[in-house]
Protein backbone atom coordinates (compact mmCIF):
# COMPACT_ATOMS: atom_id res chain seq x y z
CA UNK A 1 33.84 -17.35 36.40
CA UNK A 2 34.88 -19.23 39.50
CA UNK A 3 35.15 -23.06 39.47
CA UNK A 4 32.23 -23.44 41.89
CA UNK A 5 29.94 -21.50 39.52
CA UNK A 6 30.70 -23.65 36.47
CA UNK A 7 28.19 -26.50 37.13
CA UNK A 8 25.36 -24.03 37.72
CA UNK A 9 26.21 -22.05 34.59
CA UNK A 10 26.49 -25.20 32.44
CA UNK A 11 23.13 -26.47 33.76
CA UNK A 12 21.44 -23.14 33.00
CA UNK A 13 22.90 -23.10 29.51
CA UNK A 14 21.71 -26.65 28.88
CA UNK A 15 18.22 -25.71 30.07
CA UNK A 16 18.02 -22.90 27.47
CA UNK A 17 19.80 -24.81 24.71
CA UNK A 18 17.71 -25.23 21.57
CA UNK A 19 15.16 -22.64 22.68
CA UNK A 20 14.60 -19.04 21.63
CA UNK A 21 15.34 -17.90 25.20
CA UNK A 22 19.06 -18.17 24.53
CA UNK A 23 18.85 -15.36 21.96
CA UNK A 24 18.00 -12.85 24.70
CA UNK A 25 21.13 -13.85 26.59
CA UNK A 26 23.69 -14.27 23.80
CA UNK A 27 22.40 -12.04 20.97
CA UNK A 28 20.30 -9.24 22.51
CA UNK A 29 20.57 -7.13 19.35
CA UNK A 30 18.46 -9.77 17.55
CA UNK A 31 16.00 -10.47 20.36
CA UNK A 32 13.21 -8.66 18.53
CA UNK A 33 13.75 -10.55 15.27
CA UNK A 34 11.22 -13.42 15.31
CA UNK A 35 12.68 -15.05 12.21
CA UNK A 36 16.21 -15.05 13.65
CA UNK A 37 14.99 -16.42 16.99
CA UNK A 38 13.32 -19.38 15.30
CA UNK A 39 16.33 -20.04 13.05
CA UNK A 40 18.84 -19.78 15.90
CA UNK A 41 16.91 -22.25 18.06
CA UNK A 42 16.89 -24.77 15.19
CA UNK A 43 20.60 -24.09 14.57
CA UNK A 44 21.40 -24.97 18.19
CA UNK A 45 19.32 -28.14 18.17
CA UNK A 46 21.06 -29.29 14.97
CA UNK A 47 24.48 -28.78 16.54
CA UNK A 48 24.24 -30.56 19.88
CA UNK A 49 21.91 -31.86 22.56
CA UNK A 50 21.49 -30.08 25.93
CA UNK A 51 23.31 -32.92 27.68
CA UNK A 52 26.28 -32.63 25.29
CA UNK A 53 26.45 -28.87 25.84
CA UNK A 54 26.37 -29.20 29.61
CA UNK A 55 29.22 -31.71 29.48
CA UNK A 56 31.20 -29.62 26.98
CA UNK A 57 31.05 -26.37 28.94
CA UNK A 58 31.78 -28.12 32.23
CA UNK A 59 34.97 -29.60 30.76
CA UNK A 60 35.88 -26.41 28.86
CA UNK A 61 35.89 -24.31 32.03
CA UNK A 62 38.18 -26.84 33.66
CA UNK A 63 40.88 -26.10 31.08
CA UNK A 64 43.54 -23.48 31.83
CA UNK A 65 45.61 -22.34 28.83
CA UNK A 66 47.02 -19.17 30.37
CA UNK A 67 50.56 -20.51 30.59
CA UNK A 68 50.54 -21.31 26.86
CA UNK A 69 49.68 -17.78 25.73
CA UNK A 70 53.27 -16.38 25.83
CA UNK A 71 54.43 -19.35 23.76
CA UNK A 72 52.31 -18.29 20.78
CA UNK A 73 54.50 -16.62 18.13
CA UNK A 74 52.25 -16.97 15.07
CA UNK A 75 50.36 -13.87 13.88
CA UNK A 76 47.23 -13.70 16.01
CA UNK A 77 43.92 -11.90 15.53
CA UNK A 78 41.77 -11.37 18.61
CA UNK A 79 38.20 -10.22 18.04
CA UNK A 80 36.53 -8.42 20.92
CA UNK A 81 33.01 -7.26 21.69
CA UNK A 82 31.31 -5.56 24.63
CA UNK A 83 29.73 -8.84 25.75
CA UNK A 84 30.66 -9.24 29.43
CA UNK A 85 32.41 -12.61 29.43
CA UNK A 86 34.16 -11.95 26.13
CA UNK A 87 35.29 -8.39 26.92
CA UNK A 88 36.83 -9.45 30.23
CA UNK A 89 39.22 -11.90 28.56
CA UNK A 90 40.25 -9.98 25.42
CA UNK A 91 42.66 -7.60 27.12
CA UNK A 92 44.20 -10.35 29.24
CA UNK A 93 44.79 -12.55 26.19
CA UNK A 94 46.16 -9.73 24.02
CA UNK A 95 48.69 -8.71 26.66
CA UNK A 96 50.18 -12.21 26.77
CA UNK A 97 50.43 -12.96 23.04
CA UNK A 98 53.27 -10.91 21.60
CA UNK A 99 52.20 -8.77 18.63
CA UNK A 100 48.56 -9.86 18.78
CA UNK A 101 46.17 -7.70 16.81
CA UNK A 102 42.95 -6.78 18.61
CA UNK A 103 39.82 -5.62 16.77
CA UNK A 104 36.74 -4.53 18.70
CA UNK A 105 33.16 -4.61 17.46
CA UNK A 106 30.60 -2.32 19.12
CA UNK A 107 28.09 -4.98 20.10
CA UNK A 108 26.90 -6.51 23.34
CA UNK A 109 26.19 -9.81 21.55
CA UNK A 110 28.08 -12.95 22.47
CA UNK A 111 29.68 -12.77 19.02
CA UNK A 112 29.75 -10.10 16.31
CA UNK A 113 29.00 -12.84 13.78
CA UNK A 114 25.26 -12.12 13.62
CA UNK A 115 25.35 -8.36 14.17
CA UNK A 116 28.42 -7.43 12.08
CA UNK A 117 28.61 -10.46 9.80
CA UNK A 118 30.17 -8.88 6.70
CA UNK A 119 32.64 -6.74 8.66
CA UNK A 120 33.80 -9.68 10.75
CA UNK A 121 34.27 -12.03 7.79
CA UNK A 122 36.05 -9.31 5.78
CA UNK A 123 38.40 -8.72 8.73
CA UNK A 124 39.24 -12.42 9.02
CA UNK A 125 39.79 -12.70 5.25
CA UNK A 126 42.12 -9.69 5.26
CA UNK A 127 44.08 -11.11 8.22
CA UNK A 128 44.53 -14.51 6.57
CA UNK A 129 45.28 -13.35 3.03
CA UNK A 130 46.88 -9.96 3.63
CA UNK A 131 44.50 -8.35 1.16
CA UNK A 132 41.39 -6.30 1.74
CA UNK A 133 38.66 -7.34 -0.63
CA UNK A 134 36.63 -4.60 -2.25
CA UNK A 135 33.08 -5.89 -2.26
CA UNK A 136 31.19 -5.56 -5.50
CA UNK A 137 27.84 -3.85 -5.05
CA UNK A 138 24.91 -6.23 -5.18
CA UNK A 139 22.94 -5.74 -8.36
CA UNK A 140 19.85 -7.30 -9.88
CA UNK A 141 17.50 -6.79 -12.80
CA UNK A 142 14.21 -5.21 -11.84
CA UNK A 143 11.37 -3.06 -13.09
CA UNK A 144 11.36 0.21 -11.17
CA UNK A 145 8.12 2.03 -10.37
CA UNK A 146 8.04 5.68 -9.29
CA UNK A 147 4.79 7.45 -8.38
CA UNK A 148 3.93 11.02 -7.48
CA UNK A 149 0.69 12.55 -6.21
CA UNK A 150 -0.52 15.19 -8.66
CA UNK A 151 -0.84 18.65 -7.10
CA UNK A 152 0.32 17.47 -3.70
CA UNK A 153 1.38 20.93 -2.51
CA UNK A 154 -1.99 22.50 -3.33
CA UNK A 155 -3.86 19.56 -1.78
CA UNK A 156 -1.83 19.81 1.42
CA UNK A 157 -2.53 23.53 1.70
CA UNK A 158 -6.26 23.04 1.07
CA UNK A 159 -6.70 20.15 3.49
CA UNK A 160 -4.46 21.29 6.34
CA UNK A 161 -1.79 19.26 8.08
CA UNK A 162 -4.00 16.77 9.97
CA UNK A 163 -6.29 15.83 7.06
CA UNK A 164 -3.36 15.71 4.63
CA UNK A 165 -1.47 13.37 6.97
CA UNK A 166 -4.48 11.04 7.16
CA UNK A 167 -4.79 11.07 3.37
CA UNK A 168 -1.09 10.22 3.00
CA UNK A 169 -1.43 7.37 5.48
CA UNK A 170 -4.33 5.98 3.43
CA UNK A 171 -2.29 6.45 0.25
CA UNK A 172 0.66 4.57 1.73
CA UNK A 173 -1.54 1.64 2.82
CA UNK A 174 -3.09 1.35 -0.64
CA UNK A 175 0.32 1.51 -2.35
CA UNK A 176 1.69 -1.21 -0.07
CA UNK A 177 -1.31 -3.48 -0.74
CA UNK A 178 -1.39 -3.05 -4.51
CA UNK A 179 2.39 -3.51 -4.87
CA UNK A 180 2.54 -6.66 -2.74
CA UNK A 181 -0.59 -8.14 -4.32
CA UNK A 182 1.43 -8.96 -7.46
CA UNK A 183 4.71 -9.80 -5.75
CA UNK A 184 6.37 -6.41 -5.86
CA UNK A 185 8.47 -4.81 -3.12
CA UNK A 186 7.69 -1.39 -1.76
CA UNK A 187 11.12 0.16 -1.24
CA UNK A 188 9.85 3.34 0.40
CA UNK A 189 7.24 6.05 0.35
CA UNK A 190 8.53 9.51 -0.49
CA UNK A 191 6.08 11.79 1.28
CA UNK A 192 3.86 12.33 -1.76
CA UNK A 193 4.74 9.24 -3.77
CA UNK A 194 6.40 5.85 -3.70
CA UNK A 195 9.28 3.78 -5.06
CA UNK A 196 8.79 0.05 -5.70
CA UNK A 197 10.37 -2.77 -7.69
CA UNK A 198 9.06 -5.83 -9.51
CA UNK A 199 10.81 -8.82 -11.02
CA UNK A 200 8.78 -8.53 -14.23
CA UNK A 201 7.45 -5.49 -16.12
CA UNK A 202 4.04 -7.00 -16.93
CA UNK A 203 3.26 -7.56 -13.24
CA UNK A 204 4.50 -4.06 -12.52
CA UNK A 205 2.16 -2.53 -15.10
CA UNK A 206 -0.87 -4.49 -13.89
CA UNK A 207 -0.11 -3.53 -10.31
CA UNK A 208 0.22 0.13 -11.32
CA UNK A 209 -3.15 0.16 -13.08
CA UNK A 210 -4.79 -1.36 -9.99
CA UNK A 211 -2.99 1.20 -7.84
CA UNK A 212 -4.20 4.10 -9.97
CA UNK A 213 -7.79 2.87 -9.73
CA UNK A 214 -7.62 2.34 -5.96
CA UNK A 215 -6.17 5.80 -5.34
CA UNK A 216 -8.77 7.41 -7.59
CA UNK A 217 -11.41 6.00 -5.23
CA UNK A 218 -10.03 8.26 -2.45
CA UNK A 219 -9.69 11.21 -4.85
CA UNK A 220 -5.93 10.92 -5.26
CA UNK A 221 -4.48 11.24 -8.76
CA UNK A 222 -0.96 10.07 -9.51
CA UNK A 223 1.58 10.17 -12.29
CA UNK A 224 3.82 7.14 -12.79
CA UNK A 225 7.21 6.41 -14.33
CA UNK A 226 8.44 2.89 -15.21
CA UNK A 227 11.84 1.63 -16.33
CA UNK A 228 13.54 -1.77 -16.34
CA UNK A 229 17.25 -2.30 -15.76
CA UNK A 230 19.95 -3.20 -13.27
CA UNK A 231 19.53 -1.71 -9.82
CA UNK A 232 22.03 -1.57 -6.97
CA UNK A 233 20.86 -2.99 -3.64
CA UNK A 234 21.78 -0.75 -0.71
CA UNK A 235 20.39 -2.52 2.32
CA UNK A 236 16.66 -1.83 2.24
CA UNK A 237 17.11 0.97 -0.32
CA UNK A 238 18.05 0.81 -4.01
CA UNK A 239 20.12 2.95 -6.36
CA UNK A 240 21.70 3.02 -9.78
CA UNK A 241 21.02 4.63 -13.14
CA UNK A 242 17.82 2.59 -13.66
CA UNK A 243 16.29 4.23 -10.61
CA UNK A 244 17.22 7.70 -11.88
CA UNK A 245 15.73 6.95 -15.30
CA UNK A 246 12.43 5.79 -13.74
CA UNK A 247 12.28 9.02 -11.73
CA UNK A 248 12.93 11.14 -14.83
CA UNK A 249 10.32 9.21 -16.82
CA UNK A 250 7.80 9.94 -14.06
CA UNK A 251 8.69 13.62 -14.32
CA UNK A 252 7.59 13.55 -17.98
CA UNK A 253 4.22 11.91 -17.22
CA UNK A 254 0.98 13.86 -17.38
CA UNK A 255 -1.52 13.72 -14.48
CA UNK A 256 -3.04 10.23 -14.31
CA UNK A 257 -0.58 8.86 -16.88
CA UNK A 258 1.52 5.70 -16.57
CA UNK A 259 4.60 6.45 -18.64
CA UNK A 260 7.15 3.77 -19.50
CA UNK A 261 10.53 3.69 -21.19
CA UNK A 262 10.95 1.81 -24.46
CA UNK A 263 12.82 -0.86 -22.48
CA UNK A 264 9.65 -1.71 -20.57
CA UNK A 265 7.55 -1.73 -23.74
CA UNK A 266 9.95 -4.08 -25.53
CA UNK A 267 10.02 -6.51 -22.59
CA UNK A 268 6.23 -7.01 -22.55
CA UNK A 269 5.79 -7.74 -26.25
CA UNK A 270 3.11 -10.43 -26.59
CA UNK A 271 1.57 -9.74 -23.17
CA UNK A 272 -1.48 -7.95 -24.57
CA UNK A 273 -0.50 -4.65 -22.98
CA UNK A 274 -0.99 -1.72 -25.36
CA UNK A 275 0.86 1.59 -25.41
CA UNK A 276 0.59 5.03 -26.97
CA UNK A 277 3.80 6.54 -28.35
CA UNK A 278 4.68 9.77 -26.56
CA UNK A 279 7.73 10.47 -28.70
CA UNK A 280 11.37 11.16 -27.94
CA UNK A 281 12.27 13.00 -24.74
CA UNK A 282 15.50 14.34 -23.27
CA UNK A 283 15.53 13.17 -19.65
CA UNK A 284 17.29 15.56 -17.27
CA UNK A 285 20.76 14.31 -16.39
CA UNK A 286 20.39 11.16 -18.56
CA UNK A 287 22.46 10.81 -21.77
CA UNK A 288 20.74 10.62 -25.17
CA UNK A 289 17.05 10.89 -25.94
CA UNK A 290 14.55 8.29 -24.80
CA UNK A 291 11.33 7.21 -26.51
CA UNK A 292 8.52 7.03 -23.98
CA UNK A 293 5.17 5.24 -24.12
CA UNK A 294 1.97 5.66 -22.13
CA UNK A 295 0.25 2.48 -20.93
CA UNK A 296 -3.25 2.32 -22.44
CA UNK A 297 -4.71 -1.06 -21.51
CA UNK A 298 -3.88 -4.58 -20.36
């Protein structure tokens, strides 16, 4: 940026400061995220006024530290991105600081901080401490719900692709509504079923009964498996042994049946929910035998 362009740039920046418009310029990867846009605008307003920013950037661009770069002998980490202004200066700076380490992030944002947050912070921590931290997987207790449409292959063949697709779309909408009605989270639909989680097993069971009734109204019968335990959070997906157990429990369920592990049954003692004992089962790939119970009423 040339000296004569600095006042114009600082004035333009001040005009956008504290507004969502600045997201489009500095963090284009998040421009479609309404929640981030609102938060970022508030973040800017809390940090400085437009007048302060105009004064700051005007003075900052008057500084020239190029002669000091070769005098730096401390270990130096330079973080680069594909953002125009940033990318132009990374190579220049790295060439003039002896032994500088350069790490590039594949983003066109003004900073990788909001697009590669964890990777950037891990990199800085490793540089400062000399150790690379192995992140523990995020885990939480949850009740896991697995559903499956009974006879889905035969139904698809009988209806044909177009009608089957419309029925699945209606199924997915109903699942999403019934799960969220009682505070659950729909993790994903699986083509002919769904995977969801709830914080409490009683809410999960009540939601499942409502779901079964709603799907019966469109002539869709499901089987359901429930288990409660620790799950591993993998972005928007989930994993862990509790998820596998819920899937195996579902595989043991009869058409129209809501089948739960003994863990779920024990956790809802006193809730008024009644069960029928379905006996001990060996779940495929799961150690030991598990006693399973069918939900009868709430």
